[in-house]
Amino acid sequence: MMKMDSELGDRELLAAARRDPEAFGVFYRRHALGLERWLRTQTPDLATAADLTAESFAQALVGLDRFRGENDAAAQAWLFGIARNLVRRYHRRGRVEMATCAKLGVQVAYEPDELTELETRLQALGRATDLADALNELPSAQREALELRVLDELEYTEAASLMGTSEQNARMRVSRALRTLHQRLQGASR
C-alpha cells in the first residue's frame, strides 16, 4: 500500500485507487462534503442527500476502470455526473413512490436527531484533513502532550511522567496545542 500524498491530484488518485484503496479514501475525503452539499440542493432532505452521496462514491469506486479523464476537473465532473444521474433516477422513482405512499396514506418522516448527527459527521469529515495538517504542524512536545492527554485519555500526572516533565508543563503544552489548533482551524475554514 502506498502512502497517499495530499499533493496528488484527483486524476492521479483515481488512477492509483485501481490498485490502492487508500487513494480512493483520499478522493472521498476530499469531495464527500462538497458533493453532499450539492446533493442537498437537489433533494428534499439531508437523509436523501447522504444516501445519494454514499451511492455516488460506491458507483465511482466500482466504475474506476471507466474513468478516462485527463485532468482533475474531469475527475470531479465524472463524480458529479454520477451523482447527477442518481438524482435524476431518484426523482423519477420518487414520483412513483410518493404517489403510492399518498394512495396508501403512508407518511414518510425522519428523526431530527439522526439528521443532525449525520450532518455533524459530514462536516467533521470535511475538516479532517485540516485537523491532520494542523496537528502535524504542532511542535513535537505540544503534539505529544495533546496525544497523551486527549487521544490516550491519560491524566496530566501520567502524561507528564511519560514526557519527563512537570504536570504544570504538561498542562501548558496541551493548552498551547489546543489554542494553536483552534487558531489554525479557524483560519482554514475562512
N, C-alpha and C. Protein backbone atom coordinates (compact mmCIF):
# COMPACT_ATOMS: atom_id res chain seq x y z
N MET A 1 0.84 -1.16 0.00
CA MET A 1 0.00 0.00 0.00
C MET A 1 0.89 1.24 0.00
N MET A 2 0.61 2.17 -0.91
CA MET A 2 1.42 3.37 -1.00
C MET A 2 0.89 4.45 -0.06
N LYS A 3 1.75 5.32 0.39
CA LYS A 3 1.33 6.43 1.25
C LYS A 3 0.78 7.51 0.33
N MET A 4 -0.43 7.97 0.66
CA MET A 4 -1.08 8.98 -0.17
C MET A 4 -0.55 10.36 0.18
N ASP A 5 -0.14 11.07 -0.82
CA ASP A 5 0.36 12.42 -0.65
C ASP A 5 -0.79 13.38 -0.92
N SER A 6 -0.99 14.35 -0.05
CA SER A 6 -2.09 15.28 -0.23
C SER A 6 -1.90 16.15 -1.47
N GLU A 7 -0.72 16.08 -2.06
CA GLU A 7 -0.45 16.85 -3.27
C GLU A 7 -0.93 16.15 -4.54
N LEU A 8 -1.30 14.87 -4.45
CA LEU A 8 -1.78 14.18 -5.63
C LEU A 8 -3.09 14.79 -6.09
N GLY A 9 -3.22 14.94 -7.40
CA GLY A 9 -4.46 15.47 -7.96
C GLY A 9 -5.53 14.40 -8.00
N ASP A 10 -6.74 14.82 -8.29
CA ASP A 10 -7.86 13.89 -8.32
C ASP A 10 -7.69 12.82 -9.40
N ARG A 11 -7.19 13.21 -10.57
CA ARG A 11 -6.98 12.23 -11.64
C ARG A 11 -5.99 11.16 -11.19
N GLU A 12 -4.89 11.61 -10.55
CA GLU A 12 -3.88 10.66 -10.08
C GLU A 12 -4.45 9.75 -8.98
N LEU A 13 -5.28 10.31 -8.12
CA LEU A 13 -5.88 9.50 -7.06
C LEU A 13 -6.77 8.41 -7.64
N LEU A 14 -7.58 8.76 -8.64
CA LEU A 14 -8.46 7.76 -9.24
C LEU A 14 -7.67 6.68 -9.95
N ALA A 15 -6.56 7.07 -10.58
CA ALA A 15 -5.72 6.07 -11.23
C ALA A 15 -5.08 5.15 -10.19
N ALA A 16 -4.59 5.72 -9.10
CA ALA A 16 -3.95 4.94 -8.04
C ALA A 16 -4.96 4.05 -7.31
N ALA A 17 -6.21 4.51 -7.23
CA ALA A 17 -7.25 3.76 -6.50
C ALA A 17 -7.55 2.41 -7.13
N ARG A 18 -7.17 2.22 -8.36
CA ARG A 18 -7.40 0.92 -9.01
C ARG A 18 -6.59 -0.18 -8.36
N ARG A 19 -5.49 0.22 -7.68
CA ARG A 19 -4.66 -0.80 -7.02
C ARG A 19 -4.46 -0.53 -5.53
N ASP A 20 -4.86 0.67 -5.08
CA ASP A 20 -4.67 1.03 -3.67
C ASP A 20 -5.92 1.71 -3.14
N PRO A 21 -6.69 1.04 -2.27
CA PRO A 21 -7.93 1.60 -1.74
C PRO A 21 -7.72 2.92 -0.98
N GLU A 22 -6.55 3.11 -0.40
CA GLU A 22 -6.28 4.34 0.35
C GLU A 22 -6.40 5.56 -0.56
N ALA A 23 -6.05 5.42 -1.82
CA ALA A 23 -6.15 6.54 -2.76
C ALA A 23 -7.61 6.96 -2.93
N PHE A 24 -8.51 5.99 -3.01
CA PHE A 24 -9.92 6.33 -3.13
C PHE A 24 -10.41 6.99 -1.84
N GLY A 25 -9.88 6.56 -0.71
CA GLY A 25 -10.23 7.19 0.56
C GLY A 25 -9.87 8.67 0.58
N VAL A 26 -8.70 9.01 0.04
CA VAL A 26 -8.28 10.41 -0.04
C VAL A 26 -9.24 11.18 -0.96
N PHE A 27 -9.57 10.59 -2.10
CA PHE A 27 -10.51 11.21 -3.04
C PHE A 27 -11.87 11.43 -2.37
N TYR A 28 -12.32 10.42 -1.63
CA TYR A 28 -13.60 10.52 -0.92
C TYR A 28 -13.56 11.66 0.09
N ARG A 29 -12.53 11.69 0.93
CA ARG A 29 -12.45 12.73 1.96
C ARG A 29 -12.37 14.12 1.33
N ARG A 30 -11.75 14.21 0.19
CA ARG A 30 -11.59 15.50 -0.48
C ARG A 30 -12.93 16.02 -1.03
N HIS A 31 -13.83 15.12 -1.44
CA HIS A 31 -15.03 15.57 -2.16
C HIS A 31 -16.37 15.21 -1.52
N ALA A 32 -16.38 14.42 -0.46
CA ALA A 32 -17.65 13.97 0.12
C ALA A 32 -18.52 15.13 0.60
N LEU A 33 -17.95 16.06 1.31
CA LEU A 33 -18.74 17.15 1.85
C LEU A 33 -19.29 18.05 0.75
N GLY A 34 -18.46 18.39 -0.23
CA GLY A 34 -18.93 19.23 -1.33
C GLY A 34 -20.02 18.55 -2.14
N LEU A 35 -19.86 17.26 -2.38
CA LEU A 35 -20.88 16.53 -3.13
C LEU A 35 -22.17 16.46 -2.33
N GLU A 36 -22.05 16.17 -1.04
CA GLU A 36 -23.25 16.08 -0.19
C GLU A 36 -23.95 17.44 -0.15
N ARG A 37 -23.22 18.52 -0.07
CA ARG A 37 -23.84 19.86 -0.06
C ARG A 37 -24.58 20.12 -1.37
N TRP A 38 -23.97 19.75 -2.48
CA TRP A 38 -24.65 19.94 -3.76
C TRP A 38 -25.90 19.07 -3.83
N LEU A 39 -25.79 17.84 -3.38
CA LEU A 39 -26.95 16.94 -3.42
C LEU A 39 -28.09 17.45 -2.53
N ARG A 40 -27.76 18.16 -1.47
CA ARG A 40 -28.81 18.73 -0.62
C ARG A 40 -29.61 19.78 -1.37
N THR A 41 -29.00 20.43 -2.36
CA THR A 41 -29.75 21.41 -3.15
C THR A 41 -30.63 20.73 -4.19
N GLN A 42 -30.38 19.46 -4.43
CA GLN A 42 -31.11 18.73 -5.46
C GLN A 42 -32.17 17.78 -4.91
N THR A 43 -32.17 17.59 -3.61
CA THR A 43 -33.06 16.61 -2.98
C THR A 43 -33.82 17.25 -1.82
N PRO A 44 -34.89 16.60 -1.35
CA PRO A 44 -35.73 17.24 -0.34
C PRO A 44 -35.19 17.24 1.09
N ASP A 45 -34.19 16.40 1.39
CA ASP A 45 -33.75 16.33 2.78
C ASP A 45 -32.33 15.80 2.88
N LEU A 46 -31.77 15.93 4.08
CA LEU A 46 -30.40 15.52 4.35
C LEU A 46 -30.21 14.01 4.20
N ALA A 47 -31.19 13.24 4.64
CA ALA A 47 -31.06 11.78 4.56
C ALA A 47 -30.92 11.32 3.12
N THR A 48 -31.72 11.89 2.24
CA THR A 48 -31.64 11.51 0.82
C THR A 48 -30.30 11.94 0.23
N ALA A 49 -29.87 13.16 0.58
CA ALA A 49 -28.57 13.63 0.08
C ALA A 49 -27.45 12.73 0.57
N ALA A 50 -27.51 12.32 1.83
CA ALA A 50 -26.48 11.42 2.38
C ALA A 50 -26.50 10.07 1.66
N ASP A 51 -27.68 9.53 1.44
CA ASP A 51 -27.78 8.26 0.72
C ASP A 51 -27.21 8.37 -0.69
N LEU A 52 -27.55 9.44 -1.38
CA LEU A 52 -27.06 9.62 -2.75
C LEU A 52 -25.56 9.90 -2.78
N THR A 53 -25.04 10.55 -1.76
CA THR A 53 -23.59 10.76 -1.66
C THR A 53 -22.89 9.42 -1.57
N ALA A 54 -23.37 8.58 -0.65
CA ALA A 54 -22.77 7.25 -0.48
C ALA A 54 -22.88 6.44 -1.76
N GLU A 55 -24.03 6.48 -2.39
CA GLU A 55 -24.22 5.71 -3.63
C GLU A 55 -23.33 6.25 -4.75
N SER A 56 -23.14 7.55 -4.82
CA SER A 56 -22.27 8.15 -5.86
C SER A 56 -20.85 7.63 -5.72
N PHE A 57 -20.34 7.62 -4.49
CA PHE A 57 -18.97 7.14 -4.28
C PHE A 57 -18.88 5.63 -4.49
N ALA A 58 -19.92 4.91 -4.14
CA ALA A 58 -19.92 3.45 -4.36
C ALA A 58 -19.85 3.17 -5.86
N GLN A 59 -20.66 3.89 -6.64
CA GLN A 59 -20.63 3.67 -8.09
C GLN A 59 -19.30 4.12 -8.69
N ALA A 60 -18.74 5.20 -8.16
CA ALA A 60 -17.43 5.65 -8.66
C ALA A 60 -16.37 4.59 -8.38
N LEU A 61 -16.40 4.02 -7.19
CA LEU A 61 -15.41 3.00 -6.82
C LEU A 61 -15.55 1.77 -7.72
N VAL A 62 -16.76 1.34 -7.92
CA VAL A 62 -17.00 0.16 -8.76
C VAL A 62 -16.64 0.46 -10.22
N GLY A 63 -16.83 1.71 -10.63
CA GLY A 63 -16.59 2.07 -12.03
C GLY A 63 -15.26 2.76 -12.30
N LEU A 64 -14.29 2.58 -11.44
CA LEU A 64 -12.99 3.24 -11.63
C LEU A 64 -12.39 2.98 -13.00
N ASP A 65 -12.57 1.79 -13.52
CA ASP A 65 -11.99 1.45 -14.83
C ASP A 65 -12.62 2.25 -15.97
N ARG A 66 -13.80 2.81 -15.72
CA ARG A 66 -14.47 3.59 -16.77
C ARG A 66 -14.01 5.04 -16.81
N PHE A 67 -13.29 5.50 -15.77
CA PHE A 67 -12.83 6.88 -15.76
C PHE A 67 -11.67 7.04 -16.75
N ARG A 68 -11.83 7.97 -17.68
CA ARG A 68 -10.82 8.20 -18.71
C ARG A 68 -10.35 9.65 -18.75
N GLY A 69 -10.68 10.42 -17.73
CA GLY A 69 -10.36 11.85 -17.72
C GLY A 69 -8.87 12.12 -17.76
N GLU A 70 -8.53 13.28 -18.26
CA GLU A 70 -7.13 13.68 -18.41
C GLU A 70 -6.67 14.68 -17.36
N ASN A 71 -7.60 15.19 -16.53
CA ASN A 71 -7.19 16.19 -15.53
C ASN A 71 -8.12 16.13 -14.32
N ASP A 72 -7.81 16.96 -13.33
CA ASP A 72 -8.58 16.96 -12.08
C ASP A 72 -10.02 17.41 -12.30
N ALA A 73 -10.21 18.39 -13.17
CA ALA A 73 -11.56 18.87 -13.45
C ALA A 73 -12.42 17.74 -14.02
N ALA A 74 -11.82 16.90 -14.86
CA ALA A 74 -12.55 15.77 -15.44
C ALA A 74 -12.92 14.75 -14.36
N ALA A 75 -12.03 14.58 -13.38
CA ALA A 75 -12.32 13.65 -12.28
C ALA A 75 -13.50 14.13 -11.46
N GLN A 76 -13.53 15.41 -11.15
CA GLN A 76 -14.65 15.97 -10.40
C GLN A 76 -15.93 15.93 -11.22
N ALA A 77 -15.83 16.25 -12.50
CA ALA A 77 -17.01 16.21 -13.37
C ALA A 77 -17.56 14.79 -13.46
N TRP A 78 -16.69 13.83 -13.51
CA TRP A 78 -17.11 12.42 -13.56
C TRP A 78 -17.90 12.06 -12.30
N LEU A 79 -17.37 12.42 -11.14
CA LEU A 79 -18.05 12.14 -9.88
C LEU A 79 -19.41 12.84 -9.82
N PHE A 80 -19.45 14.12 -10.16
CA PHE A 80 -20.70 14.85 -10.12
C PHE A 80 -21.67 14.37 -11.20
N GLY A 81 -21.15 13.86 -12.31
CA GLY A 81 -22.02 13.26 -13.33
C GLY A 81 -22.71 12.02 -12.81
N ILE A 82 -21.97 11.20 -12.07
CA ILE A 82 -22.57 10.02 -11.44
C ILE A 82 -23.68 10.47 -10.50
N ALA A 83 -23.39 11.48 -9.68
CA ALA A 83 -24.39 11.99 -8.73
C ALA A 83 -25.61 12.56 -9.45
N ARG A 84 -25.37 13.30 -10.52
CA ARG A 84 -26.48 13.88 -11.29
C ARG A 84 -27.40 12.80 -11.84
N ASN A 85 -26.81 11.72 -12.36
CA ASN A 85 -27.62 10.62 -12.86
C ASN A 85 -28.43 9.96 -11.75
N LEU A 86 -27.83 9.84 -10.57
CA LEU A 86 -28.55 9.26 -9.43
C LEU A 86 -29.70 10.17 -8.99
N VAL A 87 -29.50 11.49 -9.06
CA VAL A 87 -30.56 12.44 -8.71
C VAL A 87 -31.72 12.29 -9.69
N ARG A 88 -31.42 12.20 -10.96
CA ARG A 88 -32.48 12.02 -11.97
C ARG A 88 -33.27 10.75 -11.69
N ARG A 89 -32.55 9.67 -11.45
CA ARG A 89 -33.20 8.39 -11.15
C ARG A 89 -34.04 8.50 -9.87
N TYR A 90 -33.49 9.17 -8.86
CA TYR A 90 -34.21 9.35 -7.61
C TYR A 90 -35.54 10.09 -7.84
N HIS A 91 -35.50 11.16 -8.62
CA HIS A 91 -36.71 11.95 -8.85
C HIS A 91 -37.73 11.16 -9.67
N ARG A 92 -37.26 10.42 -10.66
CA ARG A 92 -38.19 9.58 -11.44
C ARG A 92 -38.85 8.55 -10.54
N ARG A 93 -38.05 7.82 -9.79
CA ARG A 93 -38.55 6.77 -8.90
C ARG A 93 -39.36 7.38 -7.76
N GLY A 94 -38.91 8.53 -7.28
CA GLY A 94 -39.59 9.19 -6.16
C GLY A 94 -41.00 9.60 -6.48
N ARG A 95 -41.24 10.05 -7.70
CA ARG A 95 -42.60 10.44 -8.08
C ARG A 95 -43.55 9.26 -7.98
N VAL A 96 -43.08 8.11 -8.42
CA VAL A 96 -43.90 6.90 -8.35
C VAL A 96 -44.10 6.49 -6.89
N GLU A 97 -43.02 6.49 -6.10
CA GLU A 97 -43.12 6.08 -4.70
C GLU A 97 -44.00 7.03 -3.90
N MET A 98 -43.87 8.33 -4.13
CA MET A 98 -44.68 9.30 -3.40
C MET A 98 -46.17 9.16 -3.75
N ALA A 99 -46.44 8.91 -5.02
CA ALA A 99 -47.84 8.71 -5.42
C ALA A 99 -48.41 7.47 -4.73
N THR A 100 -47.62 6.41 -4.65
CA THR A 100 -48.06 5.18 -3.98
C THR A 100 -48.27 5.43 -2.49
N CYS A 101 -47.33 6.12 -1.86
CA CYS A 101 -47.47 6.44 -0.42
C CYS A 101 -48.72 7.28 -0.18
N ALA A 102 -48.97 8.25 -1.05
CA ALA A 102 -50.16 9.09 -0.89
C ALA A 102 -51.44 8.27 -1.00
N LYS A 103 -51.48 7.35 -1.97
CA LYS A 103 -52.66 6.49 -2.13
C LYS A 103 -52.88 5.62 -0.91
N LEU A 104 -51.78 5.15 -0.30
CA LEU A 104 -51.88 4.27 0.87
C LEU A 104 -51.99 5.05 2.18
N GLY A 105 -51.82 6.36 2.12
CA GLY A 105 -51.89 7.16 3.34
C GLY A 105 -50.66 7.03 4.22
N VAL A 106 -49.53 6.63 3.64
CA VAL A 106 -48.28 6.46 4.39
C VAL A 106 -47.55 7.80 4.45
N GLN A 107 -47.13 8.19 5.64
CA GLN A 107 -46.37 9.43 5.84
C GLN A 107 -44.90 9.07 6.04
N VAL A 108 -44.01 9.73 5.31
CA VAL A 108 -42.59 9.48 5.45
C VAL A 108 -42.00 10.58 6.33
N ALA A 109 -41.32 10.16 7.42
CA ALA A 109 -40.72 11.13 8.34
C ALA A 109 -39.34 10.66 8.76
N TYR A 110 -38.48 11.63 9.06
CA TYR A 110 -37.12 11.34 9.52
C TYR A 110 -36.95 11.85 10.93
N GLU A 111 -36.16 11.16 11.70
CA GLU A 111 -35.85 11.55 13.08
C GLU A 111 -34.87 12.72 13.04
N PRO A 112 -35.23 13.89 13.61
CA PRO A 112 -34.34 15.06 13.55
C PRO A 112 -32.97 14.82 14.16
N ASP A 113 -32.89 14.07 15.26
CA ASP A 113 -31.59 13.80 15.88
C ASP A 113 -30.67 13.03 14.97
N GLU A 114 -31.21 12.09 14.21
CA GLU A 114 -30.39 11.31 13.27
C GLU A 114 -29.84 12.20 12.18
N LEU A 115 -30.66 13.12 11.68
CA LEU A 115 -30.21 14.02 10.62
C LEU A 115 -29.14 14.97 11.14
N THR A 116 -29.30 15.48 12.35
CA THR A 116 -28.30 16.37 12.93
C THR A 116 -26.97 15.65 13.12
N GLU A 117 -27.03 14.42 13.62
CA GLU A 117 -25.80 13.64 13.82
C GLU A 117 -25.10 13.37 12.49
N LEU A 118 -25.87 13.03 11.47
CA LEU A 118 -25.29 12.77 10.16
C LEU A 118 -24.63 14.03 9.59
N GLU A 119 -25.30 15.16 9.72
CA GLU A 119 -24.72 16.40 9.22
C GLU A 119 -23.43 16.75 9.97
N THR A 120 -23.41 16.53 11.27
CA THR A 120 -22.22 16.79 12.07
C THR A 120 -21.06 15.91 11.62
N ARG A 121 -21.35 14.65 11.35
CA ARG A 121 -20.30 13.74 10.88
C ARG A 121 -19.76 14.15 9.53
N LEU A 122 -20.64 14.58 8.63
CA LEU A 122 -20.19 15.01 7.31
C LEU A 122 -19.32 16.27 7.42
N GLN A 123 -19.70 17.19 8.30
CA GLN A 123 -18.90 18.39 8.48
C GLN A 123 -17.54 18.04 9.08
N ALA A 124 -17.52 17.12 10.04
CA ALA A 124 -16.26 16.69 10.65
C ALA A 124 -15.36 16.04 9.61
N LEU A 125 -15.95 15.26 8.73
CA LEU A 125 -15.17 14.61 7.67
C LEU A 125 -14.51 15.66 6.79
N GLY A 126 -15.24 16.72 6.50
CA GLY A 126 -14.68 17.79 5.68
C GLY A 126 -13.53 18.51 6.36
N ARG A 127 -13.50 18.51 7.67
CA ARG A 127 -12.45 19.20 8.42
C ARG A 127 -11.29 18.27 8.79
N ALA A 128 -11.43 16.97 8.56
CA ALA A 128 -10.42 16.00 9.00
C ALA A 128 -9.04 16.30 8.40
N THR A 129 -8.98 16.66 7.15
CA THR A 129 -7.70 16.95 6.51
C THR A 129 -7.06 18.19 7.14
N ASP A 130 -7.89 19.23 7.38
CA ASP A 130 -7.38 20.44 8.02
C ASP A 130 -6.82 20.13 9.41
N LEU A 131 -7.54 19.30 10.16
CA LEU A 131 -7.10 18.94 11.50
C LEU A 131 -5.79 18.16 11.46
N ALA A 132 -5.70 17.19 10.55
CA ALA A 132 -4.47 16.40 10.43
C ALA A 132 -3.28 17.30 10.08
N ASP A 133 -3.49 18.24 9.17
CA ASP A 133 -2.42 19.16 8.79
C ASP A 133 -2.01 20.03 9.98
N ALA A 134 -3.00 20.54 10.70
CA ALA A 134 -2.70 21.39 11.86
C ALA A 134 -1.97 20.60 12.94
N LEU A 135 -2.37 19.36 13.18
CA LEU A 135 -1.69 18.52 14.17
C LEU A 135 -0.23 18.27 13.78
N ASN A 136 -0.01 18.02 12.50
CA ASN A 136 1.35 17.75 12.02
C ASN A 136 2.26 18.98 12.11
N GLU A 137 1.66 20.17 12.13
CA GLU A 137 2.45 21.40 12.21
C GLU A 137 2.77 21.82 13.64
N LEU A 138 2.15 21.15 14.63
CA LEU A 138 2.44 21.48 16.03
C LEU A 138 3.88 21.11 16.39
N PRO A 139 4.49 21.86 17.30
CA PRO A 139 5.80 21.43 17.81
C PRO A 139 5.64 20.04 18.44
N SER A 140 6.66 19.22 18.34
CA SER A 140 6.54 17.82 18.77
C SER A 140 6.15 17.68 20.24
N ALA A 141 6.65 18.55 21.11
CA ALA A 141 6.31 18.45 22.54
C ALA A 141 4.83 18.73 22.76
N GLN A 142 4.28 19.70 22.04
CA GLN A 142 2.85 20.00 22.17
C GLN A 142 2.00 18.87 21.60
N ARG A 143 2.40 18.36 20.44
CA ARG A 143 1.65 17.27 19.82
C ARG A 143 1.65 16.04 20.73
N GLU A 144 2.80 15.71 21.31
CA GLU A 144 2.90 14.56 22.20
C GLU A 144 2.00 14.76 23.43
N ALA A 145 2.04 15.93 24.02
CA ALA A 145 1.21 16.21 25.20
C ALA A 145 -0.27 16.09 24.86
N LEU A 146 -0.66 16.63 23.72
CA LEU A 146 -2.06 16.57 23.29
C LEU A 146 -2.49 15.12 23.04
N GLU A 147 -1.64 14.35 22.37
CA GLU A 147 -1.96 12.95 22.10
C GLU A 147 -2.12 12.15 23.39
N LEU A 148 -1.22 12.36 24.34
CA LEU A 148 -1.29 11.62 25.60
C LEU A 148 -2.53 12.00 26.40
N ARG A 149 -2.84 13.28 26.44
CA ARG A 149 -3.97 13.74 27.26
C ARG A 149 -5.31 13.50 26.58
N VAL A 150 -5.43 13.83 25.29
CA VAL A 150 -6.71 13.78 24.61
C VAL A 150 -6.97 12.43 23.96
N LEU A 151 -6.03 11.95 23.18
CA LEU A 151 -6.25 10.69 22.47
C LEU A 151 -6.13 9.48 23.39
N ASP A 152 -5.06 9.47 24.19
CA ASP A 152 -4.85 8.34 25.10
C ASP A 152 -5.63 8.49 26.41
N GLU A 153 -6.21 9.69 26.62
CA GLU A 153 -7.04 9.98 27.80
C GLU A 153 -6.30 9.76 29.12
N LEU A 154 -5.02 10.10 29.14
CA LEU A 154 -4.24 9.99 30.37
C LEU A 154 -4.45 11.23 31.24
N GLU A 155 -4.32 11.05 32.53
CA GLU A 155 -4.33 12.19 33.45
C GLU A 155 -3.06 12.99 33.21
N TYR A 156 -3.08 14.26 33.61
CA TYR A 156 -1.91 15.11 33.40
C TYR A 156 -0.68 14.55 34.11
N THR A 157 -0.86 13.97 35.28
CA THR A 157 0.29 13.43 36.00
C THR A 157 0.94 12.29 35.23
N GLU A 158 0.11 11.43 34.62
CA GLU A 158 0.64 10.30 33.84
C GLU A 158 1.33 10.81 32.57
N ALA A 159 0.68 11.76 31.90
CA ALA A 159 1.26 12.32 30.67
C ALA A 159 2.60 12.99 30.97
N ALA A 160 2.64 13.75 32.06
CA ALA A 160 3.88 14.45 32.44
C ALA A 160 4.99 13.45 32.72
N SER A 161 4.65 12.38 33.41
CA SER A 161 5.64 11.36 33.73
C SER A 161 6.21 10.73 32.46
N LEU A 162 5.35 10.41 31.51
CA LEU A 162 5.80 9.81 30.25
C LEU A 162 6.65 10.78 29.43
N MET A 163 6.36 12.07 29.54
CA MET A 163 7.13 13.07 28.79
C MET A 163 8.37 13.52 29.54
N GLY A 164 8.49 13.12 30.80
CA GLY A 164 9.64 13.54 31.60
C GLY A 164 9.62 15.00 31.96
N THR A 165 8.44 15.51 32.30
CA THR A 165 8.30 16.92 32.63
C THR A 165 7.33 17.06 33.81
N SER A 166 7.09 18.27 34.22
CA SER A 166 6.17 18.51 35.34
C SER A 166 4.72 18.50 34.86
N GLU A 167 3.82 18.31 35.81
CA GLU A 167 2.39 18.33 35.48
C GLU A 167 1.99 19.70 34.94
N GLN A 168 2.52 20.77 35.54
CA GLN A 168 2.22 22.12 35.09
C GLN A 168 2.68 22.33 33.64
N ASN A 169 3.87 21.82 33.32
CA ASN A 169 4.39 21.94 31.95
C ASN A 169 3.51 21.15 30.98
N ALA A 170 3.06 19.96 31.39
CA ALA A 170 2.18 19.16 30.54
C ALA A 170 0.89 19.91 30.26
N ARG A 171 0.31 20.52 31.30
CA ARG A 171 -0.92 21.30 31.13
C ARG A 171 -0.70 22.47 30.16
N MET A 172 0.44 23.14 30.31
CA MET A 172 0.75 24.27 29.45
C MET A 172 0.89 23.82 27.99
N ARG A 173 1.56 22.70 27.77
CA ARG A 173 1.73 22.19 26.40
C ARG A 173 0.39 21.85 25.76
N VAL A 174 -0.47 21.19 26.52
CA VAL A 174 -1.80 20.84 25.99
C VAL A 174 -2.59 22.11 25.69
N SER A 175 -2.56 23.06 26.59
CA SER A 175 -3.28 24.32 26.40
C SER A 175 -2.79 25.05 25.15
N ARG A 176 -1.48 25.14 25.00
CA ARG A 176 -0.92 25.81 23.82
C ARG A 176 -1.27 25.06 22.53
N ALA A 177 -1.23 23.74 22.59
CA ALA A 177 -1.57 22.94 21.41
C ALA A 177 -3.02 23.18 21.00
N LEU A 178 -3.91 23.17 21.98
CA LEU A 178 -5.33 23.40 21.67
C LEU A 178 -5.57 24.79 21.12
N ARG A 179 -4.90 25.79 21.70
CA ARG A 179 -5.04 27.17 21.22
C ARG A 179 -4.53 27.28 19.78
N THR A 180 -3.38 26.67 19.51
CA THR A 180 -2.81 26.71 18.16
C THR A 180 -3.73 26.01 17.16
N LEU A 181 -4.25 24.84 17.53
CA LEU A 181 -5.18 24.12 16.64
C LEU A 181 -6.41 24.96 16.36
N HIS A 182 -6.95 25.56 17.40
CA HIS A 182 -8.14 26.40 17.23
C HIS A 182 -7.88 27.53 16.23
N GLN A 183 -6.75 28.22 16.41
CA GLN A 183 -6.42 29.33 15.52
C GLN A 183 -6.23 28.85 14.08
N ARG A 184 -5.53 27.73 13.91
CA ARG A 184 -5.27 27.23 12.54
C ARG A 184 -6.55 26.74 11.87
N LEU A 185 -7.42 26.09 12.63
CA LEU A 185 -8.67 25.59 12.06
C LEU A 185 -9.62 26.74 11.75
N GLN A 186 -9.61 27.78 12.56
CA GLN A 186 -10.43 28.96 12.27
C GLN A 186 -9.96 29.58 10.95
N GLY A 187 -8.65 29.66 10.76
CA GLY A 187 -8.09 30.21 9.53
C GLY A 187 -8.40 29.34 8.32
N ALA A 188 -8.41 28.01 8.51
CA ALA A 188 -8.66 27.09 7.39
C ALA A 188 -10.11 27.12 6.95
N SER A 189 -11.04 27.51 7.85
CA SER A 189 -12.45 27.48 7.49
C SER A 189 -12.90 28.77 6.81
N ARG A 190 -12.01 29.73 6.70
CA ARG A 190 -12.39 31.01 6.07
C ARG A 190 -12.12 31.02 4.62
